[in-house]
Amino acid sequence: MLSEIRRELPPARSAAPYVQLLTLTHLFCWFGKIHPFLDGNGHVQRALFAAAATDLEIPLAARFAIHPRPFDSLLAWPLEMFTRAAANQREQFLGMVAEYLSTWLAGPFDIPASGFSP
């Protein structure tokens, strides 16, 4: 996971916001896929997301929280499908997760529909 982060974050630093979002989403999904802990995966996933977003100098939205909220169930299905999908079928689920994760970000993502592809 650390080698993946080291590989993906440097080029994302100078990328457009949507590419940065996809990078954050990819890292978020892959951590969910490898889930090394029996409990606390979501909390660690969100902490890593926050750290990576901060590294990319993307501010977190006020609505971001480490603790799960009821609407996180909207994230559960596409994230689970990403973990089960074949490599050539993951992109559609990555997009769904990215749309959800964009709500956790501020800055350029506070603009309506900014979490979507250009």
N, C-alpha and C. Protein backbone atom coordinates (compact mmCIF):
# COMPACT_ATOMS: atom_id res chain seq x y z
N MET A 1 0.83 -1.19 0.00
CA MET A 1 0.00 0.00 0.00
C MET A 1 0.87 1.25 0.00
N LEU A 2 1.93 1.25 0.81
CA LEU A 2 2.81 2.42 0.87
C LEU A 2 3.50 2.66 -0.47
N SER A 3 3.91 1.59 -1.15
CA SER A 3 4.55 1.79 -2.45
C SER A 3 3.55 2.35 -3.46
N GLU A 4 2.30 1.95 -3.36
CA GLU A 4 1.26 2.49 -4.24
C GLU A 4 1.04 3.98 -3.97
N ILE A 5 1.01 4.35 -2.70
CA ILE A 5 0.85 5.77 -2.33
C ILE A 5 2.03 6.58 -2.85
N ARG A 6 3.23 6.06 -2.65
CA ARG A 6 4.44 6.77 -3.13
C ARG A 6 4.46 6.90 -4.64
N ARG A 7 3.86 5.95 -5.33
CA ARG A 7 3.82 5.98 -6.80
C ARG A 7 2.75 6.94 -7.31
N GLU A 8 1.60 6.98 -6.66
CA GLU A 8 0.46 7.74 -7.18
C GLU A 8 0.39 9.20 -6.73
N LEU A 9 0.83 9.51 -5.52
CA LEU A 9 0.66 10.88 -5.03
C LEU A 9 1.54 11.92 -5.72
N PRO A 10 2.82 11.66 -5.98
CA PRO A 10 3.64 12.73 -6.60
C PRO A 10 3.07 13.28 -7.91
N PRO A 11 2.67 12.45 -8.88
CA PRO A 11 2.12 13.04 -10.10
C PRO A 11 0.77 13.73 -9.87
N ALA A 12 0.03 13.29 -8.86
CA ALA A 12 -1.28 13.89 -8.58
C ALA A 12 -1.14 15.30 -8.02
N ARG A 13 -0.01 15.63 -7.44
CA ARG A 13 0.17 16.96 -6.84
C ARG A 13 0.01 18.08 -7.86
N SER A 14 0.37 17.82 -9.10
CA SER A 14 0.25 18.86 -10.13
C SER A 14 -0.90 18.59 -11.10
N ALA A 15 -1.75 17.65 -10.77
CA ALA A 15 -2.85 17.28 -11.66
C ALA A 15 -4.09 18.15 -11.41
N ALA A 16 -5.03 18.06 -12.32
CA ALA A 16 -6.32 18.75 -12.18
C ALA A 16 -7.08 18.14 -11.01
N PRO A 17 -8.00 18.91 -10.40
CA PRO A 17 -8.75 18.39 -9.25
C PRO A 17 -9.44 17.05 -9.49
N TYR A 18 -10.01 16.84 -10.67
CA TYR A 18 -10.70 15.58 -10.92
C TYR A 18 -9.72 14.40 -10.90
N VAL A 19 -8.53 14.60 -11.44
CA VAL A 19 -7.50 13.55 -11.43
C VAL A 19 -7.05 13.30 -9.99
N GLN A 20 -6.94 14.36 -9.21
CA GLN A 20 -6.60 14.20 -7.80
C GLN A 20 -7.67 13.39 -7.08
N LEU A 21 -8.92 13.68 -7.37
CA LEU A 21 -10.03 12.94 -6.78
C LEU A 21 -9.94 11.46 -7.15
N LEU A 22 -9.66 11.16 -8.40
CA LEU A 22 -9.54 9.76 -8.82
C LEU A 22 -8.37 9.07 -8.12
N THR A 23 -7.28 9.80 -7.91
CA THR A 23 -6.14 9.23 -7.19
C THR A 23 -6.53 8.91 -5.76
N LEU A 24 -7.18 9.86 -5.08
CA LEU A 24 -7.63 9.63 -3.71
C LEU A 24 -8.60 8.45 -3.65
N THR A 25 -9.48 8.38 -4.63
CA THR A 25 -10.48 7.31 -4.66
C THR A 25 -9.81 5.96 -4.87
N HIS A 26 -8.84 5.91 -5.77
CA HIS A 26 -8.14 4.66 -6.04
C HIS A 26 -7.45 4.16 -4.77
N LEU A 27 -6.76 5.06 -4.08
CA LEU A 27 -6.10 4.67 -2.83
C LEU A 27 -7.11 4.23 -1.77
N PHE A 28 -8.22 4.94 -1.68
CA PHE A 28 -9.28 4.61 -0.73
C PHE A 28 -9.84 3.21 -1.02
N CYS A 29 -10.13 2.95 -2.27
CA CYS A 29 -10.70 1.66 -2.66
C CYS A 29 -9.70 0.52 -2.44
N TRP A 30 -8.44 0.74 -2.78
CA TRP A 30 -7.46 -0.33 -2.61
C TRP A 30 -7.24 -0.66 -1.15
N PHE A 31 -7.26 0.35 -0.28
CA PHE A 31 -7.14 0.04 1.13
C PHE A 31 -8.34 -0.79 1.58
N GLY A 32 -9.52 -0.44 1.09
CA GLY A 32 -10.71 -1.23 1.41
C GLY A 32 -10.62 -2.65 0.89
N LYS A 33 -9.95 -2.82 -0.24
CA LYS A 33 -9.80 -4.16 -0.83
C LYS A 33 -8.86 -5.03 0.00
N ILE A 34 -7.78 -4.46 0.48
CA ILE A 34 -6.82 -5.29 1.23
C ILE A 34 -7.19 -5.41 2.70
N HIS A 35 -8.02 -4.51 3.22
CA HIS A 35 -8.53 -4.46 4.60
C HIS A 35 -7.77 -5.38 5.56
N PRO A 36 -6.65 -4.92 6.07
CA PRO A 36 -5.83 -5.79 6.93
C PRO A 36 -6.34 -5.96 8.36
N PHE A 37 -7.38 -5.24 8.74
CA PHE A 37 -7.85 -5.31 10.12
C PHE A 37 -9.21 -5.98 10.20
N LEU A 38 -9.49 -6.61 11.32
CA LEU A 38 -10.81 -7.21 11.52
C LEU A 38 -11.86 -6.16 11.81
N ASP A 39 -11.45 -5.05 12.41
CA ASP A 39 -12.37 -3.98 12.76
C ASP A 39 -11.66 -2.65 12.56
N GLY A 40 -12.40 -1.62 12.23
CA GLY A 40 -11.82 -0.29 12.11
C GLY A 40 -11.34 0.07 10.72
N ASN A 41 -11.63 -0.75 9.73
CA ASN A 41 -11.17 -0.45 8.37
C ASN A 41 -11.68 0.90 7.87
N GLY A 42 -12.95 1.17 8.10
CA GLY A 42 -13.53 2.43 7.63
C GLY A 42 -12.87 3.64 8.27
N HIS A 43 -12.61 3.54 9.56
CA HIS A 43 -11.97 4.65 10.26
C HIS A 43 -10.55 4.88 9.72
N VAL A 44 -9.80 3.80 9.55
CA VAL A 44 -8.44 3.92 9.02
C VAL A 44 -8.49 4.40 7.57
N GLN A 45 -9.43 3.89 6.81
CA GLN A 45 -9.61 4.32 5.42
C GLN A 45 -9.84 5.83 5.35
N ARG A 46 -10.72 6.34 6.19
CA ARG A 46 -11.01 7.77 6.18
C ARG A 46 -9.82 8.59 6.67
N ALA A 47 -9.07 8.07 7.64
CA ALA A 47 -7.87 8.78 8.11
C ALA A 47 -6.82 8.85 7.00
N LEU A 48 -6.62 7.75 6.28
CA LEU A 48 -5.67 7.75 5.17
C LEU A 48 -6.13 8.69 4.05
N PHE A 49 -7.43 8.71 3.79
CA PHE A 49 -8.00 9.61 2.79
C PHE A 49 -7.70 11.06 3.18
N ALA A 50 -7.94 11.39 4.45
CA ALA A 50 -7.70 12.76 4.93
C ALA A 50 -6.22 13.12 4.82
N ALA A 51 -5.34 12.18 5.16
CA ALA A 51 -3.90 12.44 5.07
C ALA A 51 -3.47 12.66 3.62
N ALA A 52 -3.98 11.83 2.71
CA ALA A 52 -3.62 11.97 1.29
C ALA A 52 -4.18 13.27 0.71
N ALA A 53 -5.42 13.62 1.07
CA ALA A 53 -6.01 14.88 0.58
C ALA A 53 -5.20 16.06 1.08
N THR A 54 -4.79 16.01 2.34
CA THR A 54 -3.97 17.08 2.91
C THR A 54 -2.64 17.17 2.19
N ASP A 55 -2.05 16.01 1.86
CA ASP A 55 -0.80 15.99 1.11
C ASP A 55 -0.97 16.64 -0.26
N LEU A 56 -2.13 16.48 -0.86
CA LEU A 56 -2.41 17.09 -2.16
C LEU A 56 -2.89 18.53 -2.02
N GLU A 57 -2.93 19.02 -0.78
CA GLU A 57 -3.36 20.39 -0.47
C GLU A 57 -4.82 20.65 -0.85
N ILE A 58 -5.63 19.61 -0.71
CA ILE A 58 -7.07 19.74 -0.91
C ILE A 58 -7.69 19.81 0.48
N PRO A 59 -8.39 20.90 0.80
CA PRO A 59 -8.99 20.99 2.13
C PRO A 59 -10.16 20.02 2.27
N LEU A 60 -10.32 19.52 3.49
CA LEU A 60 -11.46 18.66 3.79
C LEU A 60 -12.68 19.52 4.05
N ALA A 61 -13.83 19.03 3.62
CA ALA A 61 -15.08 19.73 3.87
C ALA A 61 -15.47 19.60 5.33
N ALA A 62 -16.27 20.53 5.81
CA ALA A 62 -16.75 20.48 7.19
C ALA A 62 -17.58 19.23 7.44
N ARG A 63 -18.15 18.65 6.39
CA ARG A 63 -18.99 17.46 6.55
C ARG A 63 -18.17 16.16 6.65
N PHE A 64 -16.85 16.23 6.45
CA PHE A 64 -16.00 15.05 6.59
C PHE A 64 -15.92 14.65 8.07
N ALA A 65 -15.99 13.37 8.33
CA ALA A 65 -15.87 12.87 9.71
C ALA A 65 -15.20 11.50 9.68
N ILE A 66 -14.39 11.25 10.67
CA ILE A 66 -13.76 9.93 10.79
C ILE A 66 -14.80 8.88 11.17
N HIS A 67 -15.76 9.27 11.99
CA HIS A 67 -16.78 8.33 12.45
C HIS A 67 -17.85 8.15 11.38
N PRO A 68 -18.30 6.92 11.18
CA PRO A 68 -19.32 6.65 10.16
C PRO A 68 -20.62 7.42 10.44
N ARG A 69 -21.29 7.73 9.38
CA ARG A 69 -22.59 8.37 9.46
C ARG A 69 -23.60 7.49 8.74
N PRO A 70 -24.89 7.69 8.96
CA PRO A 70 -25.89 6.83 8.32
C PRO A 70 -25.78 6.80 6.79
N PHE A 71 -25.40 7.93 6.17
CA PHE A 71 -25.36 7.94 4.72
C PHE A 71 -24.13 7.24 4.16
N ASP A 72 -23.23 6.75 5.01
CA ASP A 72 -22.10 5.99 4.51
C ASP A 72 -22.54 4.69 3.87
N SER A 73 -23.78 4.29 4.11
CA SER A 73 -24.30 3.10 3.43
C SER A 73 -24.34 3.32 1.92
N LEU A 74 -24.41 4.58 1.49
CA LEU A 74 -24.35 4.88 0.05
C LEU A 74 -22.99 4.53 -0.53
N LEU A 75 -21.97 4.55 0.29
CA LEU A 75 -20.62 4.21 -0.13
C LEU A 75 -20.38 2.70 -0.08
N ALA A 76 -21.06 2.01 0.79
CA ALA A 76 -20.80 0.59 1.03
C ALA A 76 -20.94 -0.26 -0.23
N TRP A 77 -22.02 -0.09 -0.98
CA TRP A 77 -22.25 -0.96 -2.14
C TRP A 77 -21.18 -0.78 -3.22
N PRO A 78 -20.91 0.45 -3.72
CA PRO A 78 -19.89 0.54 -4.77
C PRO A 78 -18.50 0.13 -4.28
N LEU A 79 -18.20 0.38 -3.01
CA LEU A 79 -16.90 -0.03 -2.48
C LEU A 79 -16.80 -1.55 -2.43
N GLU A 80 -17.85 -2.20 -2.00
CA GLU A 80 -17.86 -3.67 -1.98
C GLU A 80 -17.76 -4.23 -3.39
N MET A 81 -18.48 -3.63 -4.33
CA MET A 81 -18.42 -4.10 -5.72
C MET A 81 -17.03 -3.90 -6.31
N PHE A 82 -16.35 -2.80 -5.97
CA PHE A 82 -14.97 -2.59 -6.41
C PHE A 82 -14.08 -3.73 -5.93
N THR A 83 -14.25 -4.13 -4.68
CA THR A 83 -13.39 -5.19 -4.13
C THR A 83 -13.64 -6.54 -4.79
N ARG A 84 -14.86 -6.75 -5.30
CA ARG A 84 -15.20 -8.04 -5.91
C ARG A 84 -15.01 -8.07 -7.43
N ALA A 85 -14.93 -6.91 -8.05
CA ALA A 85 -14.91 -6.84 -9.52
C ALA A 85 -13.56 -7.29 -10.09
N ALA A 86 -13.64 -7.81 -11.28
CA ALA A 86 -12.41 -8.13 -12.02
C ALA A 86 -11.72 -6.81 -12.37
N ALA A 87 -10.44 -6.87 -12.62
CA ALA A 87 -9.64 -5.66 -12.88
C ALA A 87 -10.25 -4.80 -13.99
N ASN A 88 -10.78 -5.41 -15.03
CA ASN A 88 -11.32 -4.64 -16.15
C ASN A 88 -12.74 -4.12 -15.89
N GLN A 89 -13.29 -4.39 -14.71
CA GLN A 89 -14.64 -3.93 -14.38
C GLN A 89 -14.67 -2.99 -13.18
N ARG A 90 -13.52 -2.62 -12.64
CA ARG A 90 -13.48 -1.79 -11.43
C ARG A 90 -13.77 -0.32 -11.69
N GLU A 91 -13.49 0.16 -12.89
CA GLU A 91 -13.58 1.59 -13.15
C GLU A 91 -14.97 2.16 -12.89
N GLN A 92 -16.02 1.44 -13.25
CA GLN A 92 -17.37 1.95 -13.03
C GLN A 92 -17.65 2.16 -11.55
N PHE A 93 -17.14 1.30 -10.71
CA PHE A 93 -17.35 1.43 -9.27
C PHE A 93 -16.44 2.50 -8.68
N LEU A 94 -15.27 2.65 -9.27
CA LEU A 94 -14.36 3.72 -8.85
C LEU A 94 -15.04 5.07 -9.04
N GLY A 95 -15.74 5.26 -10.14
CA GLY A 95 -16.46 6.50 -10.41
C GLY A 95 -17.55 6.77 -9.38
N MET A 96 -18.27 5.73 -8.98
CA MET A 96 -19.33 5.89 -7.98
C MET A 96 -18.73 6.29 -6.63
N VAL A 97 -17.63 5.66 -6.26
CA VAL A 97 -16.97 5.98 -4.99
C VAL A 97 -16.42 7.41 -5.06
N ALA A 98 -15.85 7.79 -6.20
CA ALA A 98 -15.30 9.14 -6.36
C ALA A 98 -16.38 10.20 -6.20
N GLU A 99 -17.55 9.94 -6.75
CA GLU A 99 -18.66 10.89 -6.62
C GLU A 99 -19.01 11.10 -5.15
N TYR A 100 -19.04 10.02 -4.39
CA TYR A 100 -19.34 10.12 -2.96
C TYR A 100 -18.21 10.82 -2.21
N LEU A 101 -16.97 10.41 -2.46
CA LEU A 101 -15.83 10.98 -1.74
C LEU A 101 -15.65 12.47 -2.02
N SER A 102 -16.09 12.93 -3.18
CA SER A 102 -15.95 14.35 -3.51
C SER A 102 -16.72 15.22 -2.51
N THR A 103 -17.73 14.66 -1.87
CA THR A 103 -18.49 15.44 -0.88
C THR A 103 -17.69 15.66 0.40
N TRP A 104 -16.61 14.92 0.60
CA TRP A 104 -15.75 15.08 1.77
C TRP A 104 -14.70 16.15 1.56
N LEU A 105 -14.61 16.69 0.35
CA LEU A 105 -13.56 17.64 0.01
C LEU A 105 -14.11 19.04 -0.17
N ALA A 106 -13.30 20.02 0.17
CA ALA A 106 -13.68 21.42 -0.02
C ALA A 106 -12.86 21.98 -1.19
N GLY A 107 -12.60 23.27 -1.16
CA GLY A 107 -11.83 23.89 -2.24
C GLY A 107 -12.55 23.77 -3.56
N PRO A 108 -11.89 23.21 -4.58
CA PRO A 108 -12.54 23.13 -5.90
C PRO A 108 -13.76 22.21 -5.91
N PHE A 109 -13.92 21.40 -4.88
CA PHE A 109 -15.04 20.46 -4.84
C PHE A 109 -16.29 21.04 -4.19
N ASP A 110 -16.22 22.29 -3.74
CA ASP A 110 -17.40 22.95 -3.20
C ASP A 110 -18.31 23.49 -4.29
N ILE A 111 -17.83 23.49 -5.51
CA ILE A 111 -18.63 23.95 -6.65
C ILE A 111 -19.57 22.82 -7.06
N PRO A 112 -20.85 23.11 -7.29
CA PRO A 112 -21.79 22.05 -7.67
C PRO A 112 -21.27 21.24 -8.87
N ALA A 113 -21.41 19.94 -8.78
CA ALA A 113 -21.04 18.96 -9.81
C ALA A 113 -19.52 18.92 -10.05
N SER A 114 -18.73 19.44 -9.14
CA SER A 114 -17.29 19.44 -9.36
C SER A 114 -16.65 18.08 -9.11
N GLY A 115 -17.38 17.15 -8.51
CA GLY A 115 -16.83 15.82 -8.30
C GLY A 115 -17.00 14.90 -9.48
N PHE A 116 -17.49 15.45 -10.57
CA PHE A 116 -17.74 14.64 -11.75
C PHE A 116 -16.71 14.92 -12.84
N SER A 117 -16.61 13.99 -13.73
CA SER A 117 -15.65 14.12 -14.83
C SER A 117 -15.95 15.36 -15.66
N PRO A 118 -14.90 16.04 -16.14
CA PRO A 118 -15.11 17.24 -16.98
C PRO A 118 -15.83 16.93 -18.27
